């Protein structure tokens, strides 16, 4: 468990989210959050959320258009002579 935590902290240190601070005794290493690090992460998460929502809306619109097209096609096949007759 400690090794996993140490690896995660090392990755966060490389990413600039945390930094090592003096004061540990023996093999103990202490870290602290870097100022502004979470603001950057929060902004990135917000931008990702906006993009994801736009993608979901686009997919929903596309699906609704397909469903509407399939309904008209089904009506046409059910006995109407043309697509206009199906309406």
PDB file of N, CA and C in Angstrom:
ATOM      1  N   UNK A   1       0.817  -1.185   0.000  1.00  0.00           N
ATOM      2  CA  UNK A   1       0.000   0.000   0.000  1.00  0.00           C
ATOM      3  C   UNK A   1       0.868   1.260   0.000  1.00  0.00           C
ATOM      4  N   UNK A   2       1.893   1.305   0.829  1.00  0.00           N
ATOM      5  CA  UNK A   2       2.769   2.476   0.886  1.00  0.00           C
ATOM      6  C   UNK A   2       3.467   2.719  -0.442  1.00  0.00           C
ATOM      7  N   UNK A   3       3.847   1.625  -1.091  1.00  0.00           N
ATOM      8  CA  UNK A   3       4.534   1.759  -2.372  1.00  0.00           C
ATOM      9  C   UNK A   3       3.600   2.388  -3.409  1.00  0.00           C
ATOM     10  N   UNK A   4       2.344   1.989  -3.413  1.00  0.00           N
ATOM     11  CA  UNK A   4       1.377   2.562  -4.352  1.00  0.00           C
ATOM     12  C   UNK A   4       1.182   4.055  -4.086  1.00  0.00           C
ATOM     13  N   UNK A   5       1.091   4.415  -2.828  1.00  0.00           N
ATOM     14  CA  UNK A   5       0.930   5.829  -2.472  1.00  0.00           C
ATOM     15  C   UNK A   5       2.162   6.620  -2.886  1.00  0.00           C
ATOM     16  N   UNK A   6       3.334   6.055  -2.652  1.00  0.00           N
ATOM     17  CA  UNK A   6       4.587   6.726  -3.033  1.00  0.00           C
ATOM     18  C   UNK A   6       4.648   6.939  -4.542  1.00  0.00           C
ATOM     19  N   UNK A   7       4.201   5.943  -5.315  1.00  0.00           N
ATOM     20  CA  UNK A   7       4.194   6.083  -6.779  1.00  0.00           C
ATOM     21  C   UNK A   7       3.227   7.181  -7.209  1.00  0.00           C
ATOM     22  N   UNK A   8       2.042   7.230  -6.601  1.00  0.00           N
ATOM     23  CA  UNK A   8       1.075   8.266  -6.945  1.00  0.00           C
ATOM     24  C   UNK A   8       1.608   9.653  -6.606  1.00  0.00           C
ATOM     25  N   UNK A   9       2.225   9.778  -5.450  1.00  0.00           N
ATOM     26  CA  UNK A   9       2.787  11.071  -5.066  1.00  0.00           C
ATOM     27  C   UNK A   9       3.913  11.487  -6.008  1.00  0.00           C
ATOM     28  N   UNK A  10       4.715  10.541  -6.446  1.00  0.00           N
ATOM     29  CA  UNK A  10       5.795  10.853  -7.393  1.00  0.00           C
ATOM     30  C   UNK A  10       5.216  11.365  -8.718  1.00  0.00           C
ATOM     31  N   UNK A  11       4.137  10.751  -9.176  1.00  0.00           N
ATOM     32  CA  UNK A  11       3.483  11.196 -10.417  1.00  0.00           C
ATOM     33  C   UNK A  11       2.898  12.594 -10.238  1.00  0.00           C
ATOM     34  N   UNK A  12       2.247  12.831  -9.097  1.00  0.00           N
ATOM     35  CA  UNK A  12       1.694  14.153  -8.826  1.00  0.00           C
ATOM     36  C   UNK A  12       2.797  15.203  -8.710  1.00  0.00           C
ATOM     37  N   UNK A  13       3.951  14.812  -8.186  1.00  0.00           N
ATOM     38  CA  UNK A  13       5.098  15.717  -8.098  1.00  0.00           C
ATOM     39  C   UNK A  13       5.596  16.069  -9.499  1.00  0.00           C
ATOM     40  N   UNK A  14       5.725  15.074 -10.358  1.00  0.00           N
ATOM     41  CA  UNK A  14       6.172  15.314 -11.743  1.00  0.00           C
ATOM     42  C   UNK A  14       5.184  16.199 -12.492  1.00  0.00           C
ATOM     43  N   UNK A  15       3.896  16.042 -12.193  1.00  0.00           N
ATOM     44  CA  UNK A  15       2.860  16.835 -12.863  1.00  0.00           C
ATOM     45  C   UNK A  15       2.752  18.250 -12.307  1.00  0.00           C
ATOM     46  N   UNK A  16       3.446  18.521 -11.194  1.00  0.00           N
ATOM     47  CA  UNK A  16       3.421  19.858 -10.623  1.00  0.00           C
ATOM     48  C   UNK A  16       2.253  20.117  -9.689  1.00  0.00           C
ATOM     49  N   UNK A  17       1.573  19.060  -9.269  1.00  0.00           N
ATOM     50  CA  UNK A  17       0.432  19.235  -8.370  1.00  0.00           C
ATOM     51  C   UNK A  17       0.887  19.332  -6.919  1.00  0.00           C
ATOM     52  N   UNK A  18       1.881  18.542  -6.555  1.00  0.00           N
ATOM     53  CA  UNK A  18       2.432  18.578  -5.201  1.00  0.00           C
ATOM     54  C   UNK A  18       3.933  18.808  -5.289  1.00  0.00           C
ATOM     55  N   UNK A  19       4.528  19.142  -4.150  1.00  0.00           N
ATOM     56  CA  UNK A  19       5.974  19.294  -4.111  1.00  0.00           C
ATOM     57  C   UNK A  19       6.505  18.718  -2.801  1.00  0.00           C
ATOM     58  N   UNK A  20       7.729  18.209  -2.861  1.00  0.00           N
ATOM     59  CA  UNK A  20       8.388  17.692  -1.654  1.00  0.00           C
ATOM     60  C   UNK A  20       8.773  18.852  -0.766  1.00  0.00           C
ATOM     61  N   UNK A  21       8.630  18.631   0.529  1.00  0.00           N
ATOM     62  CA  UNK A  21       9.029  19.668   1.487  1.00  0.00           C
ATOM     63  C   UNK A  21       9.982  19.056   2.504  1.00  0.00           C
ATOM     64  N   UNK A  22      10.920  19.856   2.985  1.00  0.00           N
ATOM     65  CA  UNK A  22      11.834  19.332   4.005  1.00  0.00           C
ATOM     66  C   UNK A  22      11.089  19.108   5.317  1.00  0.00           C
ATOM     67  N   UNK A  23      11.626  18.254   6.127  1.00  0.00           N
ATOM     68  CA  UNK A  23      11.036  18.050   7.440  1.00  0.00           C
ATOM     69  C   UNK A  23      10.751  16.605   7.767  1.00  0.00           C
ATOM     70  N   UNK A  24      10.862  15.733   6.804  1.00  0.00           N
ATOM     71  CA  UNK A  24      10.639  14.326   7.094  1.00  0.00           C
ATOM     72  C   UNK A  24      11.817  13.765   7.876  1.00  0.00           C
ATOM     73  N   UNK A  25      11.557  12.775   8.706  1.00  0.00           N
ATOM     74  CA  UNK A  25      12.639  12.150   9.471  1.00  0.00           C
ATOM     75  C   UNK A  25      12.916  10.772   8.897  1.00  0.00           C
ATOM     76  N   UNK A  26      14.165  10.419   8.802  1.00  0.00           N
ATOM     77  CA  UNK A  26      14.519   9.114   8.262  1.00  0.00           C
ATOM     78  C   UNK A  26      14.130   9.006   6.798  1.00  0.00           C
ATOM     79  N   UNK A  27      13.403   7.967   6.462  1.00  0.00           N
ATOM     80  CA  UNK A  27      12.962   7.761   5.074  1.00  0.00           C
ATOM     81  C   UNK A  27      11.659   8.482   4.762  1.00  0.00           C
ATOM     82  N   UNK A  28      11.083   9.144   5.734  1.00  0.00           N
ATOM     83  CA  UNK A  28       9.808   9.835   5.550  1.00  0.00           C
ATOM     84  C   UNK A  28       9.966  11.008   4.580  1.00  0.00           C
ATOM     85  N   UNK A  29       9.044  11.109   3.654  1.00  0.00           N
ATOM     86  CA  UNK A  29       9.028  12.217   2.693  1.00  0.00           C
ATOM     87  C   UNK A  29       7.683  12.911   2.837  1.00  0.00           C
ATOM     88  N   UNK A  30       7.714  14.220   2.916  1.00  0.00           N
ATOM     89  CA  UNK A  30       6.478  14.984   3.042  1.00  0.00           C
ATOM     90  C   UNK A  30       6.230  15.754   1.753  1.00  0.00           C
ATOM     91  N   UNK A  31       4.961  15.916   1.464  1.00  0.00           N
ATOM     92  CA  UNK A  31       4.545  16.658   0.276  1.00  0.00           C
ATOM     93  C   UNK A  31       3.529  17.710   0.681  1.00  0.00           C
ATOM     94  N   UNK A  32       3.425  18.745  -0.145  1.00  0.00           N
ATOM     95  CA  UNK A  32       2.359  19.721   0.045  1.00  0.00           C
ATOM     96  C   UNK A  32       1.809  20.090  -1.336  1.00  0.00           C
ATOM     97  N   UNK A  33       0.581  20.517  -1.322  1.00  0.00           N
ATOM     98  CA  UNK A  33      -0.095  20.930  -2.541  1.00  0.00           C
ATOM     99  C   UNK A  33       0.508  22.234  -3.034  1.00  0.00           C
ATOM    100  N   UNK A  34       0.787  22.307  -4.316  1.00  0.00           N
ATOM    101  CA  UNK A  34       1.322  23.557  -4.877  1.00  0.00           C
ATOM    102  C   UNK A  34       0.188  24.547  -5.077  1.00  0.00           C
ATOM    103  N   UNK A  35       0.468  25.790  -4.808  1.00  0.00           N
ATOM    104  CA  UNK A  35      -0.541  26.838  -4.969  1.00  0.00           C
ATOM    105  C   UNK A  35      -1.027  26.919  -6.411  1.00  0.00           C
ATOM    106  N   UNK A  36      -2.322  26.971  -6.579  1.00  0.00           N
ATOM    107  CA  UNK A  36      -2.910  27.095  -7.913  1.00  0.00           C
ATOM    108  C   UNK A  36      -3.036  25.799  -8.678  1.00  0.00           C
ATOM    109  N   UNK A  37      -2.473  24.726  -8.167  1.00  0.00           N
ATOM    110  CA  UNK A  37      -2.502  23.455  -8.906  1.00  0.00           C
ATOM    111  C   UNK A  37      -3.919  22.948  -9.112  1.00  0.00           C
ATOM    112  N   UNK A  38      -4.750  23.069  -8.106  1.00  0.00           N
ATOM    113  CA  UNK A  38      -6.122  22.583  -8.233  1.00  0.00           C
ATOM    114  C   UNK A  38      -6.973  23.494  -9.112  1.00  0.00           C
ATOM    115  N   UNK A  39      -6.638  24.768  -9.175  1.00  0.00           N
ATOM    116  CA  UNK A  39      -7.379  25.685 -10.043  1.00  0.00           C
ATOM    117  C   UNK A  39      -7.197  25.285 -11.501  1.00  0.00           C
ATOM    118  N   UNK A  40      -5.982  24.913 -11.875  1.00  0.00           N
ATOM    119  CA  UNK A  40      -5.704  24.468 -13.237  1.00  0.00           C
ATOM    120  C   UNK A  40      -6.452  23.172 -13.526  1.00  0.00           C
ATOM    121  N   UNK A  41      -6.393  22.236 -12.586  1.00  0.00           N
ATOM    122  CA  UNK A  41      -7.085  20.958 -12.765  1.00  0.00           C
ATOM    123  C   UNK A  41      -8.590  21.163 -12.842  1.00  0.00           C
ATOM    124  N   UNK A  42      -9.114  22.049 -12.032  1.00  0.00           N
ATOM    125  CA  UNK A  42     -10.545  22.333 -12.037  1.00  0.00           C
ATOM    126  C   UNK A  42     -10.983  22.948 -13.362  1.00  0.00           C
ATOM    127  N   UNK A  43     -10.192  23.858 -13.889  1.00  0.00           N
ATOM    128  CA  UNK A  43     -10.512  24.478 -15.180  1.00  0.00           C
ATOM    129  C   UNK A  43     -10.494  23.440 -16.298  1.00  0.00           C
ATOM    130  N   UNK A  44      -9.506  22.552 -16.264  1.00  0.00           N
ATOM    131  CA  UNK A  44      -9.426  21.500 -17.279  1.00  0.00           C
ATOM    132  C   UNK A  44     -10.621  20.556 -17.182  1.00  0.00           C
ATOM    133  N   UNK A  45     -11.013  20.211 -15.967  1.00  0.00           N
ATOM    134  CA  UNK A  45     -12.169  19.330 -15.778  1.00  0.00           C
ATOM    135  C   UNK A  45     -13.446  20.014 -16.265  1.00  0.00           C
ATOM    136  N   UNK A  46     -13.567  21.304 -16.032  1.00  0.00           N
ATOM    137  CA  UNK A  46     -14.734  22.044 -16.505  1.00  0.00           C
ATOM    138  C   UNK A  46     -14.815  22.072 -18.016  1.00  0.00           C
ATOM    139  N   UNK A  47     -13.680  22.294 -18.670  1.00  0.00           N
ATOM    140  CA  UNK A  47     -13.656  22.308 -20.133  1.00  0.00           C
ATOM    141  C   UNK A  47     -14.009  20.936 -20.683  1.00  0.00           C
ATOM    142  N   UNK A  48     -13.523  19.897 -20.046  1.00  0.00           N
ATOM    143  CA  UNK A  48     -13.836  18.536 -20.477  1.00  0.00           C
ATOM    144  C   UNK A  48     -15.319  18.260 -20.314  1.00  0.00           C
ATOM    145  N   UNK A  49     -15.898  18.731 -19.231  1.00  0.00           N
ATOM    146  CA  UNK A  49     -17.327  18.534 -18.975  1.00  0.00           C
ATOM    147  C   UNK A  49     -18.175  19.222 -20.040  1.00  0.00           C
ATOM    148  N   UNK A  50     -17.809  20.438 -20.405  1.00  0.00           N
ATOM    149  CA  UNK A  50     -18.543  21.174 -21.436  1.00  0.00           C
ATOM    150  C   UNK A  50     -18.472  20.435 -22.769  1.00  0.00           C
ATOM    151  N   UNK A  51     -17.286  19.950 -23.126  1.00  0.00           N
ATOM    152  CA  UNK A  51     -17.119  19.212 -24.388  1.00  0.00           C
ATOM    153  C   UNK A  51     -17.928  17.916 -24.375  1.00  0.00           C
ATOM    154  N   UNK A  52     -17.937  17.228 -23.225  1.00  0.00           N
ATOM    155  CA  UNK A  52     -18.688  15.973 -23.107  1.00  0.00           C
ATOM    156  C   UNK A  52     -20.185  16.230 -23.268  1.00  0.00           C
ATOM    157  N   UNK A  53     -20.684  17.283 -22.645  1.00  0.00           N
ATOM    158  CA  UNK A  53     -22.112  17.620 -22.749  1.00  0.00           C
ATOM    159  C   UNK A  53     -22.493  17.955 -24.189  1.00  0.00           C
ATOM    160  N   UNK A  54     -21.623  18.679 -24.895  1.00  0.00           N
ATOM    161  CA  UNK A  54     -21.889  19.012 -26.296  1.00  0.00           C
ATOM    162  C   UNK A  54     -21.923  17.751 -27.150  1.00  0.00           C
ATOM    163  N   UNK A  55     -21.033  16.827 -26.877  1.00  0.00           N
ATOM    164  CA  UNK A  55     -20.995  15.567 -27.612  1.00  0.00           C
ATOM    165  C   UNK A  55     -22.255  14.746 -27.362  1.00  0.00           C
ATOM    166  N   UNK A  56     -22.711  14.724 -26.128  1.00  0.00           N
ATOM    167  CA  UNK A  56     -23.936  13.987 -25.790  1.00  0.00           C
ATOM    168  C   UNK A  56     -25.133  14.608 -26.500  1.00  0.00           C
ATOM    169  N   UNK A  57     -25.221  15.949 -26.503  1.00  0.00           N
ATOM    170  CA  UNK A  57     -26.323  16.620 -27.203  1.00  0.00           C
ATOM    171  C   UNK A  57     -26.311  16.294 -28.685  1.00  0.00           C
ATOM    172  N   UNK A  58     -25.112  16.312 -29.284  1.00  0.00           N
ATOM    173  CA  UNK A  58     -24.989  16.026 -30.716  1.00  0.00           C
ATOM    174  C   UNK A  58     -25.422  14.589 -31.012  1.00  0.00           C
ATOM    175  N   UNK A  59     -25.012  13.659 -30.177  1.00  0.00           N
ATOM    176  CA  UNK A  59     -25.403  12.259 -30.361  1.00  0.00           C
ATOM    177  C   UNK A  59     -26.892  12.071 -30.210  1.00  0.00           C
ATOM    178  N   UNK A  60     -27.477  12.746 -29.241  1.00  0.00           N
ATOM    179  CA  UNK A  60     -28.924  12.651 -29.010  1.00  0.00           C
ATOM    180  C   UNK A  60     -29.693  13.180 -30.223  1.00  0.00           C
ATOM    181  N   UNK A  61     -29.250  14.322 -30.761  1.00  0.00           N
ATOM    182  CA  UNK A  61     -29.901  14.910 -31.931  1.00  0.00           C
ATOM    183  C   UNK A  61     -29.807  13.965 -33.130  1.00  0.00           C
ATOM    184  N   UNK A  62     -28.630  13.388 -33.320  1.00  0.00           N
ATOM    185  CA  UNK A  62     -28.436  12.450 -34.430  1.00  0.00           C
ATOM    186  C   UNK A  62     -29.340  11.235 -34.286  1.00  0.00           C
ATOM    187  N   UNK A  63     -29.446  10.712 -33.088  1.00  0.00           N
ATOM    188  CA  UNK A  63     -30.299   9.553 -32.831  1.00  0.00           C
ATOM    189  C   UNK A  63     -31.764   9.894 -33.077  1.00  0.00           C
ATOM    190  N   UNK A  64     -32.204  11.060 -32.636  1.00  0.00           N
ATOM    191  CA  UNK A  64     -33.592  11.479 -32.860  1.00  0.00           C
ATOM    192  C   UNK A  64     -33.887  11.616 -34.349  1.00  0.00           C
ATOM    193  N   UNK A  65     -32.938  12.143 -35.112  1.00  0.00           N
ATOM    194  CA  UNK A  65     -33.133  12.262 -36.562  1.00  0.00           C
ATOM    195  C   UNK A  65     -33.249  10.891 -37.215  1.00  0.00           C
ATOM    196  N   UNK A  66     -32.396   9.966 -36.779  1.00  0.00           N
ATOM    197  CA  UNK A  66     -32.463   8.604 -37.330  1.00  0.00           C
ATOM    198  C   UNK A  66     -33.790   7.951 -37.022  1.00  0.00           C
ATOM    199  N   UNK A  67     -34.226   8.096 -35.777  1.00  0.00           N
ATOM    200  CA  UNK A  67     -35.502   7.493 -35.393  1.00  0.00           C
ATOM    201  C   UNK A  67     -36.642   8.077 -36.208  1.00  0.00           C
ATOM    202  N   UNK A  68     -36.630   9.383 -36.412  1.00  0.00           N
ATOM    203  CA  UNK A  68     -37.677  10.032 -37.213  1.00  0.00           C
ATOM    204  C   UNK A  68     -37.640   9.519 -38.646  1.00  0.00           C
ATOM    205  N   UNK A  69     -36.453   9.336 -39.203  1.00  0.00           N
ATOM    206  CA  UNK A  69     -36.315   8.807 -40.565  1.00  0.00           C
ATOM    207  C   UNK A  69     -36.794   7.369 -40.666  1.00  0.00           C
ATOM    208  N   UNK A  70     -36.518   6.564 -39.654  1.00  0.00           N
ATOM    209  CA  UNK A  70     -36.953   5.163 -39.657  1.00  0.00           C
ATOM    210  C   UNK A  70     -38.462   5.054 -39.556  1.00  0.00           C
ATOM    211  N   UNK A  71     -39.115   5.942 -38.827  1.00  0.00           N
ATOM    212  CA  UNK A  71     -40.570   5.919 -38.703  1.00  0.00           C
ATOM    213  C   UNK A  71     -41.191   6.209 -40.050  1.00  0.00           C
ATOM    214  N   UNK A  72     -40.684   7.232 -40.754  1.00  0.00           N
ATOM    215  CA  UNK A  72     -41.219   7.565 -42.078  1.00  0.00           C
ATOM    216  C   UNK A  72     -41.000   6.418 -43.050  1.00  0.00           C
ATOM    217  N   UNK A  73     -39.833   5.787 -42.998  1.00  0.00           N
ATOM    218  CA  UNK A  73     -39.539   4.669 -43.889  1.00  0.00           C
ATOM    219  C   UNK A  73     -40.451   3.485 -43.580  1.00  0.00           C
ATOM    220  N   UNK A  74     -40.702   3.220 -42.308  1.00  0.00           N
ATOM    221  CA  UNK A  74     -41.583   2.118 -41.923  1.00  0.00           C
ATOM    222  C   UNK A  74     -42.994   2.368 -42.422  1.00  0.00           C
ATOM    223  N   UNK A  75     -43.480   3.587 -42.303  1.00  0.00           N
ATOM    224  CA  UNK A  75     -44.821   3.925 -42.802  1.00  0.00           C
ATOM    225  C   UNK A  75     -44.893   3.732 -44.306  1.00  0.00           C
ATOM    226  N   UNK A  76     -43.825   4.131 -44.997  1.00  0.00           N
ATOM    227  CA  UNK A  76     -43.786   4.006 -46.457  1.00  0.00           C
ATOM    228  C   UNK A  76     -43.839   2.538 -46.854  1.00  0.00           C
ATOM    229  N   UNK A  77     -43.123   1.696 -46.174  1.00  0.00           N
ATOM    230  CA  UNK A  77     -43.100   0.265 -46.488  1.00  0.00           C
ATOM    231  C   UNK A  77     -44.407  -0.424 -46.107  1.00  0.00           C
ATOM    232  N   UNK A  78     -45.148   0.169 -45.182  1.00  0.00           N
ATOM    233  CA  UNK A  78     -46.360  -0.468 -44.683  1.00  0.00           C
ATOM    234  C   UNK A  78     -47.537  -0.338 -45.641  1.00  0.00           C
ATOM    235  N   UNK A  79     -47.356   0.304 -46.764  1.00  0.00           N
ATOM    236  CA  UNK A  79     -48.460   0.338 -47.721  1.00  0.00           C
ATOM    237  C   UNK A  79     -48.587   1.629 -48.490  1.00  0.00           C
ATOM    238  N   UNK A  80     -47.917   2.669 -48.088  1.00  0.00           N
ATOM    239  CA  UNK A  80     -47.977   3.925 -48.841  1.00  0.00           C
ATOM    240  C   UNK A  80     -47.137   3.759 -50.102  1.00  0.00           C
ATOM    241  N   UNK A  81     -47.579   4.419 -51.168  1.00  0.00           N
ATOM    242  CA  UNK A  81     -46.858   4.305 -52.431  1.00  0.00           C
ATOM    243  C   UNK A  81     -45.611   5.158 -52.479  1.00  0.00           C
ATOM    244  N   UNK A  82     -45.619   6.304 -51.812  1.00  0.00           N
ATOM    245  CA  UNK A  82     -44.457   7.194 -51.775  1.00  0.00           C
ATOM    246  C   UNK A  82     -44.224   7.671 -50.356  1.00  0.00           C
ATOM    247  N   UNK A  83     -43.080   8.295 -50.150  1.00  0.00           N
ATOM    248  CA  UNK A  83     -42.772   8.830 -48.834  1.00  0.00           C
ATOM    249  C   UNK A  83     -43.762   9.927 -48.460  1.00  0.00           C
ATOM    250  N   UNK A  84     -44.255  10.708 -49.463  1.00  0.00           N
ATOM    251  CA  UNK A  84     -45.229  11.759 -49.186  1.00  0.00           C
ATOM    252  C   UNK A  84     -46.548  11.176 -48.713  1.00  0.00           C
ATOM    253  N   UNK A  85     -46.941   9.996 -49.239  1.00  0.00           N
ATOM    254  CA  UNK A  85     -48.174   9.351 -48.798  1.00  0.00           C
ATOM    255  C   UNK A  85     -48.082   8.897 -47.344  1.00  0.00           C
ATOM    256  N   UNK A  86     -46.870   8.631 -46.878  1.00  0.00           N
ATOM    257  CA  UNK A  86     -46.671   8.140 -45.525  1.00  0.00           C
ATOM    258  C   UNK A  86     -46.917   9.226 -44.484  1.00  0.00           C
ATOM    259  N   UNK A  87     -46.850  10.481 -44.904  1.00  0.00           N
ATOM    260  CA  UNK A  87     -47.018  11.595 -43.966  1.00  0.00           C
ATOM    261  C   UNK A  87     -48.414  11.850 -43.683  1.00  0.00           C
TER     262      UNK A  87
END
